C-alpha atoms as a PDB file:
ATOM      1  CA  MET A   1    -210.321 180.566  60.689  1.00  0.00           C
ATOM      2  CA  ASN A   2    -213.159 178.614  59.200  1.00  0.00           C
ATOM      3  CA  VAL A   3    -214.046 177.850  55.468  1.00  0.00           C
ATOM      4  CA  GLN A   4    -218.064 177.872  54.678  1.00  0.00           C
ATOM      5  CA  LEU A   5    -219.710 176.860  51.474  1.00  0.00           C
ATOM      6  CA  GLN A   6    -221.734 179.954  51.001  1.00  0.00           C
ATOM      7  CA  ILE A   7    -223.929 182.303  48.748  1.00  0.00           C
ATOM      8  CA  SER A   8    -224.132 185.610  48.696  1.00  0.00           C
ATOM      9  CA  GLU A   9    -227.406 185.843  46.751  1.00  0.00           C
ATOM     10  CA  PHE A  10    -229.810 183.145  45.108  1.00  0.00           C
ATOM     11  CA  GLY A  11    -228.867 182.108  42.210  1.00  0.00           C
ATOM     12  CA  SER A  12    -227.613 178.962  40.490  1.00  0.00           C
ATOM     13  CA  GLU A  13    -225.242 176.934  41.744  1.00  0.00           C
ATOM     14  CA  GLN A  14    -222.205 178.927  40.505  1.00  0.00           C
ATOM     15  CA  ASN A  15    -223.512 181.325  43.336  1.00  0.00           C
ATOM     16  CA  LEU A  16    -221.561 178.560  45.810  1.00  0.00           C
ATOM     17  CA  GLN A  17    -218.277 180.117  47.245  1.00  0.00           C
ATOM     18  CA  LEU A  18    -215.639 178.350  49.537  1.00  0.00           C
ATOM     19  CA  VAL A  19    -215.618 181.378  51.721  1.00  0.00           C
ATOM     20  CA  LYS A  20    -212.823 181.448  54.902  1.00  0.00           C
ATOM     21  CA  VAL A  21    -214.057 183.164  57.709  1.00  0.00           C
ATOM     22  CA  LYS A  22    -213.370 183.861  61.077  1.00  0.00           C
ATOM     23  CA  ARG A  23    -213.598 181.039  64.293  1.00  0.00           C
ATOM     24  CA  GLU A  24    -215.962 181.846  67.116  1.00  0.00           C
ATOM     25  CA  SER A  25    -216.398 180.205  70.059  1.00  0.00           C
ATOM     26  CA  PRO A  26    -218.902 178.255  71.908  1.00  0.00           C
ATOM     27  CA  LYS A  27    -222.078 180.419  73.772  1.00  0.00           C
ATOM     28  CA  ASN A  28    -223.493 179.414  76.745  1.00  0.00           C
ATOM     29  CA  GLY A  29    -225.035 175.810  76.314  1.00  0.00           C
ATOM     30  CA  GLU A  30    -223.216 176.032  72.645  1.00  0.00           C
ATOM     31  CA  VAL A  31    -220.340 173.411  71.172  1.00  0.00           C
ATOM     32  CA  GLU A  32    -217.845 173.643  68.858  1.00  0.00           C
ATOM     33  CA  VAL A  33    -218.103 170.710  65.996  1.00  0.00           C
ATOM     34  CA  LYS A  34    -215.551 169.807  63.260  1.00  0.00           C
ATOM     35  CA  VAL A  35    -217.131 168.377  61.247  1.00  0.00           C
ATOM     36  CA  GLU A  36    -216.454 165.086  59.368  1.00  0.00           C
ATOM     37  CA  ALA A  37    -219.361 164.787  56.763  1.00  0.00           C
ATOM     38  CA  SER A  38    -222.251 167.334  55.414  1.00  0.00           C
ATOM     39  CA  SER A  39    -225.049 167.187  53.766  1.00  0.00           C
ATOM     40  CA  ILE A  40    -225.480 167.856  49.561  1.00  0.00           C
ATOM     41  CA  ALA A  41    -228.413 166.811  48.662  1.00  0.00           C
ATOM     42  CA  PHE A  42    -232.021 167.733  46.404  1.00  0.00           C
ATOM     43  CA  THR A  43    -232.901 170.401  49.826  1.00  0.00           C
ATOM     44  CA  ASP A  44    -230.024 171.979  49.714  1.00  0.00           C
ATOM     45  CA  THR A  45    -230.781 173.397  46.537  1.00  0.00           C
ATOM     46  CA  LEU A  46    -233.685 174.575  47.556  1.00  0.00           C
ATOM     47  CA  LEU A  47    -231.751 176.647  49.760  1.00  0.00           C
ATOM     48  CA  ARG A  48    -229.056 177.414  47.084  1.00  0.00           C
ATOM     49  CA  ARG A  49    -232.598 179.028  44.887  1.00  0.00           C
ATOM     50  CA  GLY A  50    -234.321 180.473  47.529  1.00  0.00           C
ATOM     51  CA  ILE A  51    -237.088 178.282  46.712  1.00  0.00           C
ATOM     52  CA  TYR A  52    -237.141 176.824  50.439  1.00  0.00           C
ATOM     53  CA  PRO A  53    -240.573 176.912  51.977  1.00  0.00           C
ATOM     54  CA  GLY A  54    -240.252 179.597  54.777  1.00  0.00           C
ATOM     55  CA  MET A  55    -236.491 180.739  53.631  1.00  0.00           C
ATOM     56  CA  LYS A  56    -235.577 184.304  54.834  1.00  0.00           C
ATOM     57  CA  LYS A  57    -233.662 186.441  52.980  1.00  0.00           C
ATOM     58  CA  HIS A  58    -230.369 186.447  55.197  1.00  0.00           C
ATOM     59  CA  PHE A  59    -226.542 186.609  53.157  1.00  0.00           C
ATOM     60  CA  PRO A  60    -224.017 185.172  53.260  1.00  0.00           C
ATOM     61  CA  LEU A  61    -225.675 182.085  53.592  1.00  0.00           C
ATOM     62  CA  THR A  62    -223.788 179.144  54.307  1.00  0.00           C
ATOM     63  CA  LEU A  63    -225.542 175.717  53.082  1.00  0.00           C
ATOM     64  CA  GLY A  64    -225.860 171.849  54.889  1.00  0.00           C
ATOM     65  CA  TYR A  65    -228.753 170.240  56.730  1.00  0.00           C
ATOM     66  CA  ASP A  66    -227.266 168.390  58.424  1.00  0.00           C
ATOM     67  CA  PHE A  67    -223.903 167.484  60.232  1.00  0.00           C
ATOM     68  CA  VAL A  68    -221.429 164.494  61.709  1.00  0.00           C
ATOM     69  CA  GLY A  69    -218.296 165.754  63.306  1.00  0.00           C
ATOM     70  CA  LYS A  70    -216.797 165.199  66.578  1.00  0.00           C
ATOM     71  CA  ILE A  71    -216.843 167.891  68.963  1.00  0.00           C
ATOM     72  CA  GLU A  72    -213.324 169.983  70.077  1.00  0.00           C
ATOM     73  CA  ALA A  73    -214.609 173.117  72.381  1.00  0.00           C
ATOM     74  CA  ILE A  74    -217.600 173.601  74.631  1.00  0.00           C
ATOM     75  CA  GLY A  75    -219.609 176.421  76.074  1.00  0.00           C
ATOM     76  CA  GLU A  76    -220.315 177.210  79.788  1.00  0.00           C
ATOM     77  CA  GLY A  77    -223.362 175.257  81.313  1.00  0.00           C
ATOM     78  CA  VAL A  78    -222.955 172.415  78.720  1.00  0.00           C
ATOM     79  CA  ASN A  79    -222.701 168.657  80.903  1.00  0.00           C
ATOM     80  CA  ASN A  80    -224.362 166.195  78.658  1.00  0.00           C
ATOM     81  CA  PHE A  81    -221.288 165.846  76.131  1.00  0.00           C
ATOM     82  CA  LYS A  82    -217.857 166.392  76.592  1.00  0.00           C
ATOM     83  CA  ILE A  83    -214.589 166.909  74.065  1.00  0.00           C
ATOM     84  CA  GLY A  84    -214.624 164.211  71.794  1.00  0.00           C
ATOM     85  CA  ASP A  85    -218.032 163.480  71.519  1.00  0.00           C
ATOM     86  CA  ARG A  86    -219.323 162.377  67.949  1.00  0.00           C
ATOM     87  CA  VAL A  87    -222.260 163.748  67.255  1.00  0.00           C
ATOM     88  CA  GLY A  88    -224.517 164.946  64.916  1.00  0.00           C
ATOM     89  CA  ALA A  89    -227.514 167.204  64.161  1.00  0.00           C
ATOM     90  CA  LEU A  90    -230.204 168.201  61.185  1.00  0.00           C
ATOM     91  CA  THR A  91    -229.223 171.899  61.254  1.00  0.00           C
ATOM     92  CA  ILE A  92    -231.116 173.131  57.810  1.00  0.00           C
ATOM     93  CA  SER A  93    -228.564 175.179  57.158  1.00  0.00           C
ATOM     94  CA  GLY A  94    -225.390 176.557  58.476  1.00  0.00           C
ATOM     95  CA  ALA A  95    -224.115 172.202  58.144  1.00  0.00           C
ATOM     96  CA  ASN A  96    -221.525 172.850  55.718  1.00  0.00           C
ATOM     97  CA  SER A  97    -218.655 174.654  57.430  1.00  0.00           C
ATOM     98  CA  GLU A  98    -215.009 173.201  58.440  1.00  0.00           C
ATOM     99  CA  HIS A  99    -216.088 173.923  62.368  1.00  0.00           C
ATOM    100  CA  VAL A 100    -220.377 174.282  63.292  1.00  0.00           C
ATOM    101  CA  ILE A 101    -221.123 176.346  66.998  1.00  0.00           C
ATOM    102  CA  HIS A 102    -224.415 173.983  67.495  1.00  0.00           C
ATOM    103  CA  HIS A 103    -227.064 174.182  70.971  1.00  0.00           C
ATOM    104  CA  ALA A 104    -225.689 171.183  72.753  1.00  0.00           C
ATOM    105  CA  ASP A 105    -229.287 170.255  73.126  1.00  0.00           C
ATOM    106  CA  ASP A 106    -230.108 169.419  69.687  1.00  0.00           C
ATOM    107  CA  LEU A 107    -227.213 167.414  69.299  1.00  0.00           C
ATOM    108  CA  PHE A 108    -227.359 163.440  69.149  1.00  0.00           C
ATOM    109  CA  LEU A 109    -224.392 161.332  69.896  1.00  0.00           C
ATOM    110  CA  VAL A 110    -223.319 159.095  66.649  1.00  0.00           C
ATOM    111  CA  PRO A 111    -221.178 155.728  67.336  1.00  0.00           C
ATOM    112  CA  THR A 112    -217.398 156.315  66.480  1.00  0.00           C
ATOM    113  CA  GLU A 113    -217.828 153.200  64.819  1.00  0.00           C
ATOM    114  CA  VAL A 114    -219.657 154.134  61.836  1.00  0.00           C
ATOM    115  CA  ASN A 115    -218.985 155.834  58.990  1.00  0.00           C
ATOM    116  CA  ALA A 116    -219.487 159.631  58.715  1.00  0.00           C
ATOM    117  CA  ALA A 117    -220.179 159.784  55.535  1.00  0.00           C
ATOM    118  CA  GLU A 118    -223.237 156.741  55.551  1.00  0.00           C
ATOM    119  CA  ALA A 119    -224.402 158.102  59.471  1.00  0.00           C
ATOM    120  CA  GLU A 120    -225.059 161.793  58.151  1.00  0.00           C
ATOM    121  CA  SER A 121    -226.998 160.396  55.083  1.00  0.00           C
ATOM    122  CA  LEU A 122    -228.999 158.356  57.781  1.00  0.00           C
ATOM    123  CA  ILE A 123    -230.344 162.546  59.533  1.00  0.00           C
ATOM    124  CA  LEU A 124    -232.458 163.808  56.390  1.00  0.00           C
ATOM    125  CA  SER A 125    -233.177 161.301  53.768  1.00  0.00           C
ATOM    126  CA  TRP A 126    -233.337 158.516  56.021  1.00  0.00           C
ATOM    127  CA  VAL A 127    -235.325 160.127  58.961  1.00  0.00           C
ATOM    128  CA  THR A 128    -237.694 161.604  56.560  1.00  0.00           C
ATOM    129  CA  ALA A 129    -238.049 157.260  55.244  1.00  0.00           C
ATOM    130  CA  TYR A 130    -238.786 156.572  58.667  1.00  0.00           C
ATOM    131  CA  GLN A 131    -240.651 158.763  60.319  1.00  0.00           C
ATOM    132  CA  MET A 132    -242.933 158.849  57.384  1.00  0.00           C
ATOM    133  CA  LEU A 133    -243.130 154.620  56.986  1.00  0.00           C
ATOM    134  CA  PHE A 134    -243.843 153.877  60.741  1.00  0.00           C
ATOM    135  CA  ARG A 135    -245.262 157.195  62.504  1.00  0.00           C
ATOM    136  CA  GLU A 136    -247.221 158.498  59.244  1.00  0.00           C
ATOM    137  CA  GLY A 137    -248.080 155.582  57.254  1.00  0.00           C
ATOM    138  CA  LYS A 138    -248.484 152.814  59.899  1.00  0.00           C
ATOM    139  CA  SER A 139    -246.655 150.737  58.151  1.00  0.00           C
ATOM    140  CA  LYS A 140    -246.306 146.736  59.209  1.00  0.00           C
ATOM    141  CA  LYS A 141    -245.016 143.924  58.123  1.00  0.00           C
ATOM    142  CA  GLY A 142    -246.752 141.724  55.068  1.00  0.00           C
ATOM    143  CA  ASP A 143    -248.321 145.662  54.084  1.00  0.00           C
ATOM    144  CA  THR A 144    -247.748 146.851  50.579  1.00  0.00           C
ATOM    145  CA  ILE A 145    -246.415 150.556  49.844  1.00  0.00           C
ATOM    146  CA  LEU A 146    -246.395 152.621  47.047  1.00  0.00           C
ATOM    147  CA  VAL A 147    -243.297 154.644  46.526  1.00  0.00           C
ATOM    148  CA  HIS A 148    -243.497 157.076  43.605  1.00  0.00           C
ATOM    149  CA  GLY A 149    -239.312 158.573  42.886  1.00  0.00           C
ATOM    150  CA  ALA A 150    -237.829 154.844  44.703  1.00  0.00           C
ATOM    151  CA  ALA A 151    -234.649 155.699  42.917  1.00  0.00           C
ATOM    152  CA  GLY A 152    -234.025 159.442  45.060  1.00  0.00           C
ATOM    153  CA  GLY A 153    -232.536 159.787  48.670  1.00  0.00           C
ATOM    154  CA  VAL A 154    -235.988 159.560  50.531  1.00  0.00           C
ATOM    155  CA  GLY A 155    -236.930 156.642  47.752  1.00  0.00           C
ATOM    156  CA  HIS A 156    -233.981 154.943  48.429  1.00  0.00           C
ATOM    157  CA  ALA A 157    -233.925 154.747  52.145  1.00  0.00           C
ATOM    158  CA  LEU A 158    -238.116 154.414  52.067  1.00  0.00           C
ATOM    159  CA  VAL A 159    -237.063 150.987  50.532  1.00  0.00           C
ATOM    160  CA  ARG A 160    -234.104 149.992  52.018  1.00  0.00           C
ATOM    161  CA  LEU A 161    -236.025 150.038  55.501  1.00  0.00           C
ATOM    162  CA  ALA A 162    -239.414 148.056  53.905  1.00  0.00           C
ATOM    163  CA  GLN A 163    -236.813 145.371  52.547  1.00  0.00           C
ATOM    164  CA  PHE A 164    -235.398 145.355  56.233  1.00  0.00           C
ATOM    165  CA  TYR A 165    -239.121 145.135  57.909  1.00  0.00           C
ATOM    166  CA  GLN A 166    -240.671 143.069  55.541  1.00  0.00           C
ATOM    167  CA  ILE A 167    -243.235 145.106  53.489  1.00  0.00           C
ATOM    168  CA  ASN A 168    -244.180 145.068  49.913  1.00  0.00           C
ATOM    169  CA  VAL A 169    -242.676 147.883  47.441  1.00  0.00           C
ATOM    170  CA  VAL A 170    -244.447 148.684  44.341  1.00  0.00           C
ATOM    171  CA  ALA A 171    -242.200 151.072  42.629  1.00  0.00           C
ATOM    172  CA  THR A 172    -242.034 154.475  40.218  1.00  0.00           C
ATOM    173  CA  SER A 173    -238.500 155.566  38.636  1.00  0.00           C
ATOM    174  CA  LYS A 174    -237.286 155.660  35.508  1.00  0.00           C
ATOM    175  CA  PRO A 175    -235.933 152.686  33.686  1.00  0.00           C
ATOM    176  CA  SER A 176    -232.340 153.138  34.087  1.00  0.00           C
ATOM    177  CA  ASP A 177    -232.923 152.629  37.687  1.00  0.00           C
ATOM    178  CA  PHE A 178    -235.722 149.438  37.851  1.00  0.00           C
ATOM    179  CA  GLU A 179    -231.888 146.648  38.178  1.00  0.00           C
ATOM    180  CA  ASP A 180    -231.278 147.986  40.962  1.00  0.00           C
ATOM    181  CA  LEU A 181    -234.542 148.263  42.622  1.00  0.00           C
ATOM    182  CA  LYS A 182    -235.482 145.021  41.439  1.00  0.00           C
ATOM    183  CA  LYS A 183    -232.409 143.959  43.951  1.00  0.00           C
ATOM    184  CA  LEU A 184    -233.099 144.883  46.506  1.00  0.00           C
ATOM    185  CA  GLY A 185    -236.664 143.484  46.380  1.00  0.00           C
ATOM    186  CA  VAL A 186    -238.876 146.197  44.683  1.00  0.00           C
ATOM    187  CA  LYS A 187    -242.057 143.989  44.101  1.00  0.00           C
ATOM    188  CA  ALA A 188    -242.812 145.927  40.916  1.00  0.00           C
ATOM    189  CA  VAL A 189    -241.478 149.203  39.166  1.00  0.00           C
ATOM    190  CA  PHE A 190    -243.345 150.764  36.687  1.00  0.00           C
ATOM    191  CA  ASP A 191    -241.478 153.570  34.626  1.00  0.00           C
ATOM    192  CA  TYR A 192    -243.087 157.455  35.998  1.00  0.00           C
ATOM    193  CA  SER A 193    -243.415 158.709  32.574  1.00  0.00           C
ATOM    194  CA  ASP A 194    -245.147 155.715  30.909  1.00  0.00           C
ATOM    195  CA  ALA A 195    -248.713 157.541  29.976  1.00  0.00           C
ATOM    196  CA  SER A 196    -250.660 153.814  31.030  1.00  0.00           C
ATOM    197  CA  LEU A 197    -248.742 154.130  34.855  1.00  0.00           C
ATOM    198  CA  TRP A 198    -251.973 154.583  36.539  1.00  0.00           C
ATOM    199  CA  GLN A 199    -253.587 151.483  35.294  1.00  0.00           C
ATOM    200  CA  LYS A 200    -251.322 149.644  35.756  1.00  0.00           C
ATOM    201  CA  LEU A 201    -250.386 150.616  39.666  1.00  0.00           C
ATOM    202  CA  LYS A 202    -254.186 149.680  39.820  1.00  0.00           C
ATOM    203  CA  GLN A 203    -253.433 146.590  38.769  1.00  0.00           C
ATOM    204  CA  GLN A 204    -251.378 145.649  41.163  1.00  0.00           C
ATOM    205  CA  GLY A 205    -254.126 146.682  44.040  1.00  0.00           C
ATOM    206  CA  GLY A 206    -254.376 148.423  46.899  1.00  0.00           C
ATOM    207  CA  TYR A 207    -251.409 149.554  48.671  1.00  0.00           C
ATOM    208  CA  ASP A 208    -251.745 150.578  52.224  1.00  0.00           C
ATOM    209  CA  ALA A 209    -249.959 153.567  51.900  1.00  0.00           C
ATOM    210  CA  ILE A 210    -248.061 155.965  49.262  1.00  0.00           C
ATOM    211  CA  PHE A 211    -244.981 157.950  49.234  1.00  0.00           C
ATOM    212  CA  ASP A 212    -245.598 160.568  47.577  1.00  0.00           C
ATOM    213  CA  GLY A 213    -243.151 163.518  47.185  1.00  0.00           C
ATOM    214  CA  VAL A 214    -243.940 164.952  43.219  1.00  0.00           C
ATOM    215  CA  SER A 215    -246.529 167.093  43.287  1.00  0.00           C
ATOM    216  CA  ASP A 216    -249.864 167.984  44.064  1.00  0.00           C
ATOM    217  CA  THR A 217    -251.151 166.296  40.664  1.00  0.00           C
ATOM    218  CA  ASN A 218    -249.706 163.423  41.519  1.00  0.00           C
ATOM    219  CA  PHE A 219    -251.263 163.140  44.913  1.00  0.00           C
ATOM    220  CA  LYS A 220    -254.548 163.042  43.350  1.00  0.00           C
ATOM    221  CA  LYS A 221    -253.007 160.150  41.335  1.00  0.00           C
ATOM    222  CA  SER A 222    -252.130 158.054  43.878  1.00  0.00           C
ATOM    223  CA  TYR A 223    -254.969 158.967  46.421  1.00  0.00           C
ATOM    224  CA  PRO A 224    -257.789 156.969  45.005  1.00  0.00           C
ATOM    225  CA  LEU A 225    -255.137 153.588  45.182  1.00  0.00           C
ATOM    226  CA  LEU A 226    -255.118 153.625  48.702  1.00  0.00           C
ATOM    227  CA  THR A 227    -256.750 150.920  50.908  1.00  0.00           C
ATOM    228  CA  SER A 228    -260.069 151.501  52.715  1.00  0.00           C
ATOM    229  CA  ASN A 229    -257.658 152.613  55.544  1.00  0.00           C
ATOM    230  CA  GLY A 230    -254.436 153.197  53.376  1.00  0.00           C
ATOM    231  CA  VAL A 231    -252.791 157.013  54.254  1.00  0.00           C
ATOM    232  CA  LEU A 232    -251.207 158.961  51.727  1.00  0.00           C
ATOM    233  CA  VAL A 233    -248.155 160.568  52.883  1.00  0.00           C
ATOM    234  CA  CYS A 234    -247.299 163.832  50.689  1.00  0.00           C
ATOM    235  CA  PHE A 235    -243.745 164.997  51.611  1.00  0.00           C
ATOM    236  CA  GLY A 236    -242.555 167.219  48.931  1.00  0.00           C
ATOM    237  CA  PHE A 237    -242.964 168.862  44.947  1.00  0.00           C
ATOM    238  CA  SER A 238    -239.681 167.457  43.396  1.00  0.00           C
ATOM    239  CA  ALA A 239    -241.610 167.670  40.014  1.00  0.00           C
ATOM    240  CA  LYS A 240    -242.256 171.336  40.301  1.00  0.00           C
ATOM    241  CA  GLY A 241    -238.717 172.088  41.762  1.00  0.00           C
ATOM    242  CA  LYS A 242    -236.353 170.765  38.672  1.00  0.00           C
ATOM    243  CA  GLY A 243    -234.287 172.720  36.300  1.00  0.00           C
ATOM    244  CA  VAL A 244    -235.728 175.795  38.152  1.00  0.00           C
ATOM    245  CA  GLU A 245    -232.362 178.163  39.052  1.00  0.00           C
ATOM    246  CA  LYS A 246    -233.621 181.591  41.331  1.00  0.00           C
ATOM    247  CA  ILE A 247    -236.268 182.797  42.939  1.00  0.00           C
ATOM    248  CA  SER A 248    -238.510 185.266  41.232  1.00  0.00           C
ATOM    249  CA  PRO A 249    -242.428 186.385  42.183  1.00  0.00           C
ATOM    250  CA  GLY A 250    -243.655 184.383  39.751  1.00  0.00           C
ATOM    251  CA  ILE A 251    -241.880 180.841  41.600  1.00  0.00           C
ATOM    252  CA  THR A 252    -242.585 182.687  45.034  1.00  0.00           C
ATOM    253  CA  ILE A 253    -246.629 182.840  43.821  1.00  0.00           C
ATOM    254  CA  LEU A 254    -246.275 179.216  42.243  1.00  0.00           C
ATOM    255  CA  SER A 255    -245.134 177.863  44.793  1.00  0.00           C
ATOM    256  CA  LEU A 256    -246.826 179.585  47.198  1.00  0.00           C
ATOM    257  CA  ILE A 257    -249.942 177.558  45.423  1.00  0.00           C
ATOM    258  CA  MET A 258    -248.821 174.532  45.750  1.00  0.00           C
ATOM    259  CA  VAL A 259    -248.092 174.937  49.229  1.00  0.00           C
ATOM    260  CA  LEU A 260    -252.069 176.013  49.627  1.00  0.00           C
ATOM    261  CA  LYS A 261    -253.246 173.169  47.432  1.00  0.00           C
ATOM    262  CA  THR A 262    -251.586 170.739  48.642  1.00  0.00           C
ATOM    263  CA  LEU A 263    -252.972 171.888  52.492  1.00  0.00           C
ATOM    264  CA  PHE A 264    -256.763 172.253  50.915  1.00  0.00           C
ATOM    265  CA  PHE A 265    -256.131 168.314  49.924  1.00  0.00           C
ATOM    266  CA  VAL A 266    -254.967 166.858  52.718  1.00  0.00           C
ATOM    267  CA  LEU A 267    -257.560 168.404  55.152  1.00  0.00           C
ATOM    268  CA  THR A 268    -260.109 167.187  52.315  1.00  0.00           C
ATOM    269  CA  HIS A 269    -259.265 163.987  52.279  1.00  0.00           C
ATOM    270  CA  LYS A 270    -258.962 162.008  55.902  1.00  0.00           C
ATOM    271  CA  LYS A 271    -256.601 159.553  54.313  1.00  0.00           C
ATOM    272  CA  ALA A 272    -253.903 162.025  53.399  1.00  0.00           C
ATOM    273  CA  ARG A 273    -250.899 163.612  55.533  1.00  0.00           C
ATOM    274  CA  PHE A 274    -247.713 165.551  54.533  1.00  0.00           C
ATOM    275  CA  TYR A 275    -245.196 165.204  55.900  1.00  0.00           C
ATOM    276  CA  ASP A 276    -241.874 167.990  56.960  1.00  0.00           C
ATOM    277  CA  ILE A 277    -239.137 166.451  58.733  1.00  0.00           C
ATOM    278  CA  LYS A 278    -238.606 170.533  60.366  1.00  0.00           C
ATOM    279  CA  ARG A 279    -242.536 170.268  60.587  1.00  0.00           C
ATOM    280  CA  THR A 280    -241.987 167.196  62.392  1.00  0.00           C
ATOM    281  CA  LYS A 281    -238.628 168.037  64.836  1.00  0.00           C
ATOM    282  CA  ALA A 282    -240.100 170.753  66.414  1.00  0.00           C
ATOM    283  CA  ALA A 283    -244.054 169.689  66.755  1.00  0.00           C
ATOM    284  CA  GLN A 284    -242.059 166.209  67.845  1.00  0.00           C
ATOM    285  CA  PRO A 285    -238.714 166.512  68.718  1.00  0.00           C
ATOM    286  CA  ASN A 286    -238.728 163.148  71.227  1.00  0.00           C
ATOM    287  CA  TRP A 287    -239.370 161.229  67.651  1.00  0.00           C
ATOM    288  CA  PHE A 288    -236.645 162.928  65.968  1.00  0.00           C
ATOM    289  CA  LYS A 289    -233.880 161.732  68.959  1.00  0.00           C
ATOM    290  CA  GLU A 290    -235.447 158.187  68.798  1.00  0.00           C
ATOM    291  CA  ASP A 291    -236.382 157.620  65.615  1.00  0.00           C
ATOM    292  CA  ILE A 292    -232.238 158.597  64.250  1.00  0.00           C
ATOM    293  CA  SER A 293    -231.317 156.676  67.515  1.00  0.00           C
ATOM    294  CA  ILE A 294    -232.389 153.501  65.756  1.00  0.00           C
ATOM    295  CA  LEU A 295    -231.234 154.046  62.293  1.00  0.00           C
ATOM    296  CA  LEU A 296    -227.693 155.300  63.627  1.00  0.00           C
ATOM    297  CA  ASP A 297    -227.993 150.712  65.429  1.00  0.00           C
ATOM    298  CA  LEU A 298    -229.166 149.334  63.053  1.00  0.00           C
ATOM    299  CA  LEU A 299    -225.865 151.235  60.738  1.00  0.00           C
ATOM    300  CA  ASN A 300    -223.513 150.130  63.236  1.00  0.00           C
ATOM    301  CA  THR A 301    -225.061 146.687  63.862  1.00  0.00           C
ATOM    302  CA  LYS A 302    -224.705 146.900  59.943  1.00  0.00           C
ATOM    303  CA  LYS A 303    -228.708 145.766  59.583  1.00  0.00           C
ATOM    304  CA  ILE A 304    -229.036 148.550  57.130  1.00  0.00           C
ATOM    305  CA  THR A 305    -226.719 149.731  54.100  1.00  0.00           C
ATOM    306  CA  THR A 306    -226.846 153.144  52.770  1.00  0.00           C
ATOM    307  CA  GLN A 307    -225.839 154.014  49.687  1.00  0.00           C
ATOM    308  CA  VAL A 308    -224.352 157.684  49.212  1.00  0.00           C
ATOM    309  CA  GLU A 309    -221.015 158.903  46.989  1.00  0.00           C
ATOM    310  CA  THR A 310    -218.471 161.241  48.283  1.00  0.00           C
ATOM    311  CA  VAL A 311    -217.635 164.790  47.016  1.00  0.00           C
ATOM    312  CA  SER A 312    -214.878 166.357  48.701  1.00  0.00           C
ATOM    313  CA  PHE A 313    -215.829 170.173  50.659  1.00  0.00           C
ATOM    314  CA  ASN A 314    -212.414 171.161  48.862  1.00  0.00           C
ATOM    315  CA  ASP A 315    -213.267 170.410  45.268  1.00  0.00           C
ATOM    316  CA  LEU A 316    -215.839 173.268  44.818  1.00  0.00           C
ATOM    317  CA  ASN A 317    -216.076 173.055  40.483  1.00  0.00           C
ATOM    318  CA  THR A 318    -217.279 168.936  42.104  1.00  0.00           C
ATOM    319  CA  ILE A 319    -219.601 170.534  44.207  1.00  0.00           C
ATOM    320  CA  ARG A 320    -221.027 173.350  41.678  1.00  0.00           C
ATOM    321  CA  ALA A 321    -221.794 169.933  39.127  1.00  0.00           C
ATOM    322  CA  VAL A 322    -223.116 168.008  42.039  1.00  0.00           C
ATOM    323  CA  HIS A 323    -225.524 170.712  42.515  1.00  0.00           C
ATOM    324  CA  LYS A 324    -226.441 171.334  39.500  1.00  0.00           C
ATOM    325  CA  LYS A 325    -227.335 167.736  38.417  1.00  0.00           C
ATOM    326  CA  LEU A 326    -229.698 166.905  41.843  1.00  0.00           C
ATOM    327  CA  THR A 327    -231.683 170.464  40.557  1.00  0.00           C
ATOM    328  CA  GLU A 328    -232.107 168.921  37.932  1.00  0.00           C
ATOM    329  CA  GLY A 329    -233.161 165.650  38.734  1.00  0.00           C
ATOM    330  CA  GLY A 330    -231.736 161.755  38.162  1.00  0.00           C
ATOM    331  CA  VAL A 331    -229.108 161.587  40.873  1.00  0.00           C
ATOM    332  CA  LYS A 332    -229.190 158.520  42.938  1.00  0.00           C
ATOM    333  CA  GLY A 333    -229.131 157.704  46.900  1.00  0.00           C
ATOM    334  CA  ARG A 334    -227.958 159.618  48.671  1.00  0.00           C
ATOM    335  CA  LEU A 335    -224.754 162.273  48.907  1.00  0.00           C
ATOM    336  CA  SER A 336    -222.482 163.423  51.131  1.00  0.00           C
ATOM    337  CA  LEU A 337    -219.730 165.943  51.711  1.00  0.00           C
ATOM    338  CA  ILE A 338    -216.484 165.286  53.564  1.00  0.00           C
ATOM    339  CA  HIS A 339    -214.794 167.354  55.290  1.00  0.00           C
ATOM    340  CA  PRO A 340    -210.974 167.307  55.426  1.00  0.00           C
END
């Protein structure tokens, strides 16, 4: 048998269930992976609530945006992996499972020396940060960037990467996160709820890149703070997704309006970009494998460290509590589900 974290309908964290299903065998081109660690992130709550862009209503739905694990079985036609190889993948859904069937061409090798939870935390949050920083933002040593929501999973990864590559960071966050961010070398950090926030950010000078995952309203305020050659990278609507328990006609319309407004903003502002890891991976699959390889090497050689807290895959009550906290916002760094 195979245990999966599933929902049978969109809604609150109480809809999450650990369900036993029949264990399947890999088909041609596929492998079966015994999962060591899988995703439990804000993006997973969007899937649970039915407000992830392009989400199809197909139940039961197994959650989990990515995984790290070891290959236990190989289907016909797979020649580039062997049983026992440690691998990872970006799945979008389906990773919160004891065993995962996945196409071999989409897998990448994970060093056996690295911690499973730390490796898993790189796949969504750190690849997103790396690609925004370098693929979209074209950031380089000595630049000054602005990171909104710097204590979250992606924000924290942006700060850590900027520190390693000697890029100056100005950040926004809650006051309770100020001390931790300053320890990471953030040049200046401001309360994102401060009424005079935008005036204070402007006083810091122009930014070579701004990373804003808050809302379309925020994008418009961030844009004027760029240098003449700066880039604004928009990557989500975290403010709009907080506290929403379930998809509804009103939420669906609101989500569509936000997407359309953001697309219009990006199309009419030459220094603005919109980043989505799923879309980027589909358009540039080689980028994803190149970038996760770089990050895994940096982790393996201890040149970067991640901030990960672990949650047991068998502890449904804690999983539900974490999903609720992620929905409400305020989780620092990354969380990872550890599988027995």
